[in-house]
Amino acid sequence: MSTTIADLTVGEKGIIEEIPYDSVPLKLLEMGCLPGKEVELIQLAPLNDPLYIKVNGSHLAIRRETARLIIMTKSENLCETIKS
């Protein structure tokens, strides 16, 4: 099962692995939301949508439906992989 930005809890970080460029708003890509970049979930709105993230030094609000499209690896998973 793939992990997405929508699966993060507040304070968790991960590395973006894959983005469906045809489905994600161009503005997100222009702001640095690209494969290989670290993303952190900063805050959730009161109804859990949108999500407030930090990526490439920018703070962005994205819809949960968009966050579900961006595949990533959580930072804790990266540490386990390195230790193995």
PDB file of N, CA and C in Angstrom:
ATOM      1  N   MET A   1       0.847  -1.196   0.000  1.00  0.00           N
ATOM      2  CA  MET A   1       0.000   0.000   0.000  1.00  0.00           C
ATOM      3  C   MET A   1       0.883   1.246   0.000  1.00  0.00           C
ATOM      4  N   SER A   2       0.570   2.172  -0.832  1.00  0.00           N
ATOM      5  CA  SER A   2       1.337   3.411  -0.957  1.00  0.00           C
ATOM      6  C   SER A   2       0.956   4.379   0.152  1.00  0.00           C
ATOM      7  N   THR A   3       1.936   5.140   0.593  1.00  0.00           N
ATOM      8  CA  THR A   3       1.706   6.201   1.562  1.00  0.00           C
ATOM      9  C   THR A   3       1.591   7.504   0.795  1.00  0.00           C
ATOM     10  N   THR A   4       0.657   8.340   1.202  1.00  0.00           N
ATOM     11  CA  THR A   4       0.479   9.640   0.560  1.00  0.00           C
ATOM     12  C   THR A   4       0.592  10.745   1.605  1.00  0.00           C
ATOM     13  N   ILE A   5       0.630  11.971   1.152  1.00  0.00           N
ATOM     14  CA  ILE A   5       0.670  13.103   2.076  1.00  0.00           C
ATOM     15  C   ILE A   5      -0.558  13.092   2.981  1.00  0.00           C
ATOM     16  N   ALA A   6      -1.684  12.646   2.470  1.00  0.00           N
ATOM     17  CA  ALA A   6      -2.921  12.593   3.258  1.00  0.00           C
ATOM     18  C   ALA A   6      -2.820  11.615   4.426  1.00  0.00           C
ATOM     19  N   ASP A   7      -1.870  10.680   4.383  1.00  0.00           N
ATOM     20  CA  ASP A   7      -1.699   9.686   5.449  1.00  0.00           C
ATOM     21  C   ASP A   7      -0.833  10.184   6.602  1.00  0.00           C
ATOM     22  N   LEU A   8      -0.197  11.329   6.454  1.00  0.00           N
ATOM     23  CA  LEU A   8       0.662  11.866   7.506  1.00  0.00           C
ATOM     24  C   LEU A   8      -0.164  12.341   8.696  1.00  0.00           C
ATOM     25  N   THR A   9       0.456  12.295   9.878  1.00  0.00           N
ATOM     26  CA  THR A   9      -0.124  12.935  11.048  1.00  0.00           C
ATOM     27  C   THR A   9       0.687  14.203  11.300  1.00  0.00           C
ATOM     28  N   VAL A  10       0.132  15.119  12.056  1.00  0.00           N
ATOM     29  CA  VAL A  10       0.793  16.403  12.291  1.00  0.00           C
ATOM     30  C   VAL A  10       2.196  16.177  12.860  1.00  0.00           C
ATOM     31  N   GLY A  11       3.180  16.811  12.231  1.00  0.00           N
ATOM     32  CA  GLY A  11       4.571  16.709  12.647  1.00  0.00           C
ATOM     33  C   GLY A  11       5.376  15.662  11.897  1.00  0.00           C
ATOM     34  N   GLU A  12       4.699  14.747  11.188  1.00  0.00           N
ATOM     35  CA  GLU A  12       5.417  13.726  10.427  1.00  0.00           C
ATOM     36  C   GLU A  12       5.995  14.302   9.149  1.00  0.00           C
ATOM     37  N   LYS A  13       7.110  13.703   8.719  1.00  0.00           N
ATOM     38  CA  LYS A  13       7.787  14.131   7.498  1.00  0.00           C
ATOM     39  C   LYS A  13       7.959  12.942   6.572  1.00  0.00           C
ATOM     40  N   GLY A  14       8.160  13.248   5.304  1.00  0.00           N
ATOM     41  CA  GLY A  14       8.435  12.218   4.321  1.00  0.00           C
ATOM     42  C   GLY A  14       9.063  12.814   3.080  1.00  0.00           C
ATOM     43  N   ILE A  15       9.464  11.931   2.178  1.00  0.00           N
ATOM     44  CA  ILE A  15      10.058  12.337   0.915  1.00  0.00           C
ATOM     45  C   ILE A  15       9.086  12.000  -0.211  1.00  0.00           C
ATOM     46  N   ILE A  16       8.821  12.973  -1.053  1.00  0.00           N
ATOM     47  CA  ILE A  16       7.913  12.760  -2.174  1.00  0.00           C
ATOM     48  C   ILE A  16       8.577  11.810  -3.169  1.00  0.00           C
ATOM     49  N   GLU A  17       7.850  10.774  -3.555  1.00  0.00           N
ATOM     50  CA  GLU A  17       8.359   9.777  -4.492  1.00  0.00           C
ATOM     51  C   GLU A  17       7.775   9.946  -5.893  1.00  0.00           C
ATOM     52  N   GLU A  18       6.477  10.200  -5.956  1.00  0.00           N
ATOM     53  CA  GLU A  18       5.798  10.224  -7.256  1.00  0.00           C
ATOM     54  C   GLU A  18       4.628  11.197  -7.229  1.00  0.00           C
ATOM     55  N   ILE A  19       4.487  11.947  -8.318  1.00  0.00           N
ATOM     56  CA  ILE A  19       3.385  12.902  -8.465  1.00  0.00           C
ATOM     57  C   ILE A  19       2.756  12.707  -9.837  1.00  0.00           C
ATOM     58  N   PRO A  20       1.422  12.553  -9.896  1.00  0.00           N
ATOM     59  CA  PRO A  20       0.765  12.485 -11.208  1.00  0.00           C
ATOM     60  C   PRO A  20       0.638  13.908 -11.769  1.00  0.00           C
ATOM     61  N   TYR A  21       1.594  14.299 -12.587  1.00  0.00           N
ATOM     62  CA  TYR A  21       1.677  15.681 -13.067  1.00  0.00           C
ATOM     63  C   TYR A  21       0.408  16.168 -13.762  1.00  0.00           C
ATOM     64  N   ASP A  22      -0.333  15.264 -14.366  1.00  0.00           N
ATOM     65  CA  ASP A  22      -1.556  15.673 -15.071  1.00  0.00           C
ATOM     66  C   ASP A  22      -2.733  15.895 -14.119  1.00  0.00           C
ATOM     67  N   SER A  23      -2.626  15.459 -12.854  1.00  0.00           N
ATOM     68  CA  SER A  23      -3.735  15.571 -11.907  1.00  0.00           C
ATOM     69  C   SER A  23      -3.496  16.584 -10.788  1.00  0.00           C
ATOM     70  N   VAL A  24      -2.253  17.015 -10.619  1.00  0.00           N
ATOM     71  CA  VAL A  24      -1.906  17.939  -9.531  1.00  0.00           C
ATOM     72  C   VAL A  24      -1.826  19.354 -10.099  1.00  0.00           C
ATOM     73  N   PRO A  25      -2.370  20.342  -9.369  1.00  0.00           N
ATOM     74  CA  PRO A  25      -2.309  21.729  -9.858  1.00  0.00           C
ATOM     75  C   PRO A  25      -0.869  22.180 -10.123  1.00  0.00           C
ATOM     76  N   LEU A  26      -0.680  22.867 -11.222  1.00  0.00           N
ATOM     77  CA  LEU A  26       0.635  23.360 -11.625  1.00  0.00           C
ATOM     78  C   LEU A  26       1.257  24.237 -10.539  1.00  0.00           C
ATOM     79  N   LYS A  27       0.466  24.977  -9.824  1.00  0.00           N
ATOM     80  CA  LYS A  27       0.975  25.875  -8.780  1.00  0.00           C
ATOM     81  C   LYS A  27       1.745  25.094  -7.712  1.00  0.00           C
ATOM     82  N   LEU A  28       1.277  23.897  -7.364  1.00  0.00           N
ATOM     83  CA  LEU A  28       1.994  23.069  -6.389  1.00  0.00           C
ATOM     84  C   LEU A  28       3.380  22.710  -6.894  1.00  0.00           C
ATOM     85  N   LEU A  29       3.460  22.365  -8.157  1.00  0.00           N
ATOM     86  CA  LEU A  29       4.741  22.013  -8.760  1.00  0.00           C
ATOM     87  C   LEU A  29       5.668  23.228  -8.794  1.00  0.00           C
ATOM     88  N   GLU A  30       5.117  24.379  -9.120  1.00  0.00           N
ATOM     89  CA  GLU A  30       5.909  25.611  -9.172  1.00  0.00           C
ATOM     90  C   GLU A  30       6.442  26.002  -7.792  1.00  0.00           C
ATOM     91  N   MET A  31       5.713  25.633  -6.738  1.00  0.00           N
ATOM     92  CA  MET A  31       6.125  25.957  -5.375  1.00  0.00           C
ATOM     93  C   MET A  31       7.131  24.939  -4.825  1.00  0.00           C
ATOM     94  N   GLY A  32       7.504  23.953  -5.635  1.00  0.00           N
ATOM     95  CA  GLY A  32       8.541  23.019  -5.233  1.00  0.00           C
ATOM     96  C   GLY A  32       8.071  21.680  -4.743  1.00  0.00           C
ATOM     97  N   CYS A  33       6.812  21.373  -4.910  1.00  0.00           N
ATOM     98  CA  CYS A  33       6.271  20.080  -4.500  1.00  0.00           C
ATOM     99  C   CYS A  33       6.616  19.068  -5.598  1.00  0.00           C
ATOM    100  N   LEU A  34       7.857  18.541  -5.528  1.00  0.00           N
ATOM    101  CA  LEU A  34       8.410  17.688  -6.579  1.00  0.00           C
ATOM    102  C   LEU A  34       9.035  16.434  -5.977  1.00  0.00           C
ATOM    103  N   PRO A  35       9.183  15.381  -6.759  1.00  0.00           N
ATOM    104  CA  PRO A  35       9.841  14.170  -6.257  1.00  0.00           C
ATOM    105  C   PRO A  35      11.229  14.479  -5.694  1.00  0.00           C
ATOM    106  N   GLY A  36      11.544  13.818  -4.568  1.00  0.00           N
ATOM    107  CA  GLY A  36      12.827  14.014  -3.912  1.00  0.00           C
ATOM    108  C   GLY A  36      12.807  15.079  -2.827  1.00  0.00           C
ATOM    109  N   LYS A  37      11.763  15.861  -2.754  1.00  0.00           N
ATOM    110  CA  LYS A  37      11.659  16.927  -1.747  1.00  0.00           C
ATOM    111  C   LYS A  37      11.004  16.409  -0.469  1.00  0.00           C
ATOM    112  N   GLU A  38      11.459  16.949   0.661  1.00  0.00           N
ATOM    113  CA  GLU A  38      10.869  16.578   1.943  1.00  0.00           C
ATOM    114  C   GLU A  38       9.600  17.385   2.173  1.00  0.00           C
ATOM    115  N   VAL A  39       8.589  16.730   2.716  1.00  0.00           N
ATOM    116  CA  VAL A  39       7.323  17.387   3.027  1.00  0.00           C
ATOM    117  C   VAL A  39       6.981  17.077   4.484  1.00  0.00           C
ATOM    118  N   GLU A  40       6.433  18.083   5.183  1.00  0.00           N
ATOM    119  CA  GLU A  40       6.029  17.918   6.580  1.00  0.00           C
ATOM    120  C   GLU A  40       4.604  18.414   6.740  1.00  0.00           C
ATOM    121  N   LEU A  41       3.781  17.642   7.442  1.00  0.00           N
ATOM    122  CA  LEU A  41       2.420  18.080   7.736  1.00  0.00           C
ATOM    123  C   LEU A  41       2.477  18.978   8.965  1.00  0.00           C
ATOM    124  N   ILE A  42       2.137  20.239   8.797  1.00  0.00           N
ATOM    125  CA  ILE A  42       2.215  21.237   9.854  1.00  0.00           C
ATOM    126  C   ILE A  42       0.928  21.296  10.666  1.00  0.00           C
ATOM    127  N   GLN A  43      -0.210  21.289   9.961  1.00  0.00           N
ATOM    128  CA  GLN A  43      -1.484  21.503  10.646  1.00  0.00           C
ATOM    129  C   GLN A  43      -2.626  21.002   9.784  1.00  0.00           C
ATOM    130  N   LEU A  44      -3.747  20.663  10.436  1.00  0.00           N
ATOM    131  CA  LEU A  44      -4.976  20.300   9.734  1.00  0.00           C
ATOM    132  C   LEU A  44      -6.026  21.364  10.014  1.00  0.00           C
ATOM    133  N   ALA A  45      -6.841  21.656   9.025  1.00  0.00           N
ATOM    134  CA  ALA A  45      -7.953  22.576   9.232  1.00  0.00           C
ATOM    135  C   ALA A  45      -8.976  21.900  10.150  1.00  0.00           C
ATOM    136  N   PRO A  46      -9.892  22.657  10.756  1.00  0.00           N
ATOM    137  CA  PRO A  46     -10.852  22.076  11.701  1.00  0.00           C
ATOM    138  C   PRO A  46     -11.640  20.867  11.180  1.00  0.00           C
ATOM    139  N   LEU A  47     -11.949  20.816   9.925  1.00  0.00           N
ATOM    140  CA  LEU A  47     -12.684  19.672   9.372  1.00  0.00           C
ATOM    141  C   LEU A  47     -11.751  18.726   8.612  1.00  0.00           C
ATOM    142  N   ASN A  48     -10.448  18.793   8.930  1.00  0.00           N
ATOM    143  CA  ASN A  48      -9.403  17.951   8.329  1.00  0.00           C
ATOM    144  C   ASN A  48      -9.185  18.190   6.841  1.00  0.00           C
ATOM    145  N   ASP A  49      -9.620  19.307   6.337  1.00  0.00           N
ATOM    146  CA  ASP A  49      -9.401  19.644   4.936  1.00  0.00           C
ATOM    147  C   ASP A  49      -9.497  21.152   4.802  1.00  0.00           C
ATOM    148  N   PRO A  50      -8.497  21.848   4.318  1.00  0.00           N
ATOM    149  CA  PRO A  50      -7.265  21.381   3.695  1.00  0.00           C
ATOM    150  C   PRO A  50      -6.193  21.022   4.722  1.00  0.00           C
ATOM    151  N   LEU A  51      -5.068  20.522   4.192  1.00  0.00           N
ATOM    152  CA  LEU A  51      -3.890  20.206   4.981  1.00  0.00           C
ATOM    153  C   LEU A  51      -2.893  21.340   4.783  1.00  0.00           C
ATOM    154  N   TYR A  52      -2.192  21.670   5.844  1.00  0.00           N
ATOM    155  CA  TYR A  52      -1.187  22.733   5.795  1.00  0.00           C
ATOM    156  C   TYR A  52       0.168  22.044   5.855  1.00  0.00           C
ATOM    157  N   ILE A  53       0.947  22.142   4.773  1.00  0.00           N
ATOM    158  CA  ILE A  53       2.223  21.433   4.675  1.00  0.00           C
ATOM    159  C   ILE A  53       3.381  22.395   4.472  1.00  0.00           C
ATOM    160  N   LYS A  54       4.573  21.882   4.754  1.00  0.00           N
ATOM    161  CA  LYS A  54       5.802  22.632   4.470  1.00  0.00           C
ATOM    162  C   LYS A  54       6.592  21.790   3.484  1.00  0.00           C
ATOM    163  N   VAL A  55       6.920  22.382   2.345  1.00  0.00           N
ATOM    164  CA  VAL A  55       7.712  21.684   1.333  1.00  0.00           C
ATOM    165  C   VAL A  55       8.606  22.707   0.645  1.00  0.00           C
ATOM    166  N   ASN A  56       9.885  22.356   0.492  1.00  0.00           N
ATOM    167  CA  ASN A  56      10.846  23.222  -0.186  1.00  0.00           C
ATOM    168  C   ASN A  56      10.909  24.622   0.415  1.00  0.00           C
ATOM    169  N   GLY A  57      10.734  24.715   1.747  1.00  0.00           N
ATOM    170  CA  GLY A  57      10.787  26.001   2.425  1.00  0.00           C
ATOM    171  C   GLY A  57       9.514  26.821   2.337  1.00  0.00           C
ATOM    172  N   SER A  58       8.507  26.312   1.647  1.00  0.00           N
ATOM    173  CA  SER A  58       7.240  27.029   1.498  1.00  0.00           C
ATOM    174  C   SER A  58       6.152  26.353   2.329  1.00  0.00           C
ATOM    175  N   HIS A  59       5.258  27.158   2.861  1.00  0.00           N
ATOM    176  CA  HIS A  59       4.101  26.638   3.576  1.00  0.00           C
ATOM    177  C   HIS A  59       2.919  26.708   2.624  1.00  0.00           C
ATOM    178  N   LEU A  60       2.264  25.566   2.422  1.00  0.00           N
ATOM    179  CA  LEU A  60       1.174  25.477   1.453  1.00  0.00           C
ATOM    180  C   LEU A  60      -0.052  24.834   2.076  1.00  0.00           C
ATOM    181  N   ALA A  61      -1.215  25.234   1.628  1.00  0.00           N
ATOM    182  CA  ALA A  61      -2.462  24.575   2.003  1.00  0.00           C
ATOM    183  C   ALA A  61      -2.923  23.795   0.773  1.00  0.00           C
ATOM    184  N   ILE A  62      -3.126  22.487   0.948  1.00  0.00           N
ATOM    185  CA  ILE A  62      -3.599  21.687  -0.179  1.00  0.00           C
ATOM    186  C   ILE A  62      -4.823  20.878   0.232  1.00  0.00           C
ATOM    187  N   ARG A  63      -5.674  20.620  -0.720  1.00  0.00           N
ATOM    188  CA  ARG A  63      -6.864  19.818  -0.468  1.00  0.00           C
ATOM    189  C   ARG A  63      -6.484  18.370  -0.198  1.00  0.00           C
ATOM    190  N   ARG A  64      -7.251  17.726   0.655  1.00  0.00           N
ATOM    191  CA  ARG A  64      -6.995  16.332   0.982  1.00  0.00           C
ATOM    192  C   ARG A  64      -7.059  15.467  -0.273  1.00  0.00           C
ATOM    193  N   GLU A  65      -7.971  15.780  -1.182  1.00  0.00           N
ATOM    194  CA  GLU A  65      -8.090  14.989  -2.417  1.00  0.00           C
ATOM    195  C   GLU A  65      -6.811  15.082  -3.251  1.00  0.00           C
ATOM    196  N   THR A  66      -6.163  16.225  -3.265  1.00  0.00           N
ATOM    197  CA  THR A  66      -4.888  16.385  -3.963  1.00  0.00           C
ATOM    198  C   THR A  66      -3.770  15.673  -3.201  1.00  0.00           C
ATOM    199  N   ALA A  67      -3.782  15.771  -1.874  1.00  0.00           N
ATOM    200  CA  ALA A  67      -2.764  15.126  -1.043  1.00  0.00           C
ATOM    201  C   ALA A  67      -2.771  13.607  -1.229  1.00  0.00           C
ATOM    202  N   ARG A  68      -3.933  13.037  -1.511  1.00  0.00           N
ATOM    203  CA  ARG A  68      -4.042  11.580  -1.726  1.00  0.00           C
ATOM    204  C   ARG A  68      -3.369  11.127  -3.016  1.00  0.00           C
ATOM    205  N   LEU A  69      -3.081  12.049  -3.909  1.00  0.00           N
ATOM    206  CA  LEU A  69      -2.455  11.709  -5.193  1.00  0.00           C
ATOM    207  C   LEU A  69      -0.931  11.687  -5.117  1.00  0.00           C
ATOM    208  N   ILE A  70      -0.357  12.329  -4.102  1.00  0.00           N
ATOM    209  CA  ILE A  70       1.098  12.484  -4.015  1.00  0.00           C
ATOM    210  C   ILE A  70       1.683  11.362  -3.166  1.00  0.00           C
ATOM    211  N   ILE A  71       2.373  10.443  -3.818  1.00  0.00           N
ATOM    212  CA  ILE A  71       2.946   9.265  -3.157  1.00  0.00           C
ATOM    213  C   ILE A  71       4.285   9.633  -2.538  1.00  0.00           C
ATOM    214  N   MET A  72       4.515   9.143  -1.312  1.00  0.00           N
ATOM    215  CA  MET A  72       5.713   9.493  -0.582  1.00  0.00           C
ATOM    216  C   MET A  72       6.166   8.349   0.313  1.00  0.00           C
ATOM    217  N   THR A  73       7.363   8.505   0.863  1.00  0.00           N
ATOM    218  CA  THR A  73       7.904   7.586   1.856  1.00  0.00           C
ATOM    219  C   THR A  73       8.072   8.375   3.139  1.00  0.00           C
ATOM    220  N   LYS A  74       7.490   7.881   4.240  1.00  0.00           N
ATOM    221  CA  LYS A  74       7.629   8.567   5.522  1.00  0.00           C
ATOM    222  C   LYS A  74       9.076   8.521   5.973  1.00  0.00           C
ATOM    223  N   SER A  75       9.510   9.555   6.664  1.00  0.00           N
ATOM    224  CA  SER A  75      10.889   9.642   7.134  1.00  0.00           C
ATOM    225  C   SER A  75      11.249   8.497   8.061  1.00  0.00           C
ATOM    226  N   GLU A  76      10.324   8.035   8.909  1.00  0.00           N
ATOM    227  CA  GLU A  76      10.606   6.921   9.812  1.00  0.00           C
ATOM    228  C   GLU A  76      10.896   5.654   9.023  1.00  0.00           C
ATOM    229  N   ASN A  77      10.229   5.479   7.874  1.00  0.00           N
ATOM    230  CA  ASN A  77      10.488   4.328   7.012  1.00  0.00           C
ATOM    231  C   ASN A  77      11.874   4.433   6.397  1.00  0.00           C
ATOM    232  N   LEU A  78      12.318   5.645   6.101  1.00  0.00           N
ATOM    233  CA  LEU A  78      13.653   5.849   5.545  1.00  0.00           C
ATOM    234  C   LEU A  78      14.718   5.426   6.545  1.00  0.00           C
ATOM    235  N   CYS A  79      14.534   5.772   7.812  1.00  0.00           N
ATOM    236  CA  CYS A  79      15.496   5.405   8.865  1.00  0.00           C
ATOM    237  C   CYS A  79      15.580   3.897   9.008  1.00  0.00           C
ATOM    238  N   GLU A  80      14.431   3.202   8.957  1.00  0.00           N
ATOM    239  CA  GLU A  80      14.428   1.742   9.079  1.00  0.00           C
ATOM    240  C   GLU A  80      15.149   1.107   7.904  1.00  0.00           C
ATOM    241  N   THR A  81      14.985   1.659   6.701  1.00  0.00           N
ATOM    242  CA  THR A  81      15.625   1.135   5.515  1.00  0.00           C
ATOM    243  C   THR A  81      17.147   1.302   5.598  1.00  0.00           C
ATOM    244  N   ILE A  82      17.599   2.431   6.103  1.00  0.00           N
ATOM    245  CA  ILE A  82      19.026   2.706   6.223  1.00  0.00           C
ATOM    246  C   ILE A  82      19.664   1.774   7.255  1.00  0.00           C
ATOM    247  N   LYS A  83      18.950   1.500   8.367  1.00  0.00           N
ATOM    248  CA  LYS A  83      19.476   0.636   9.416  1.00  0.00           C
ATOM    249  C   LYS A  83      19.619  -0.816   8.945  1.00  0.00           C
ATOM    250  N   SER A  84      18.778  -1.229   8.017  1.00  0.00           N
ATOM    251  CA  SER A  84      18.787  -2.645   7.551  1.00  0.00           C
ATOM    252  C   SER A  84      20.007  -2.963   6.732  1.00  0.00           C
TER     253      SER A  84
END
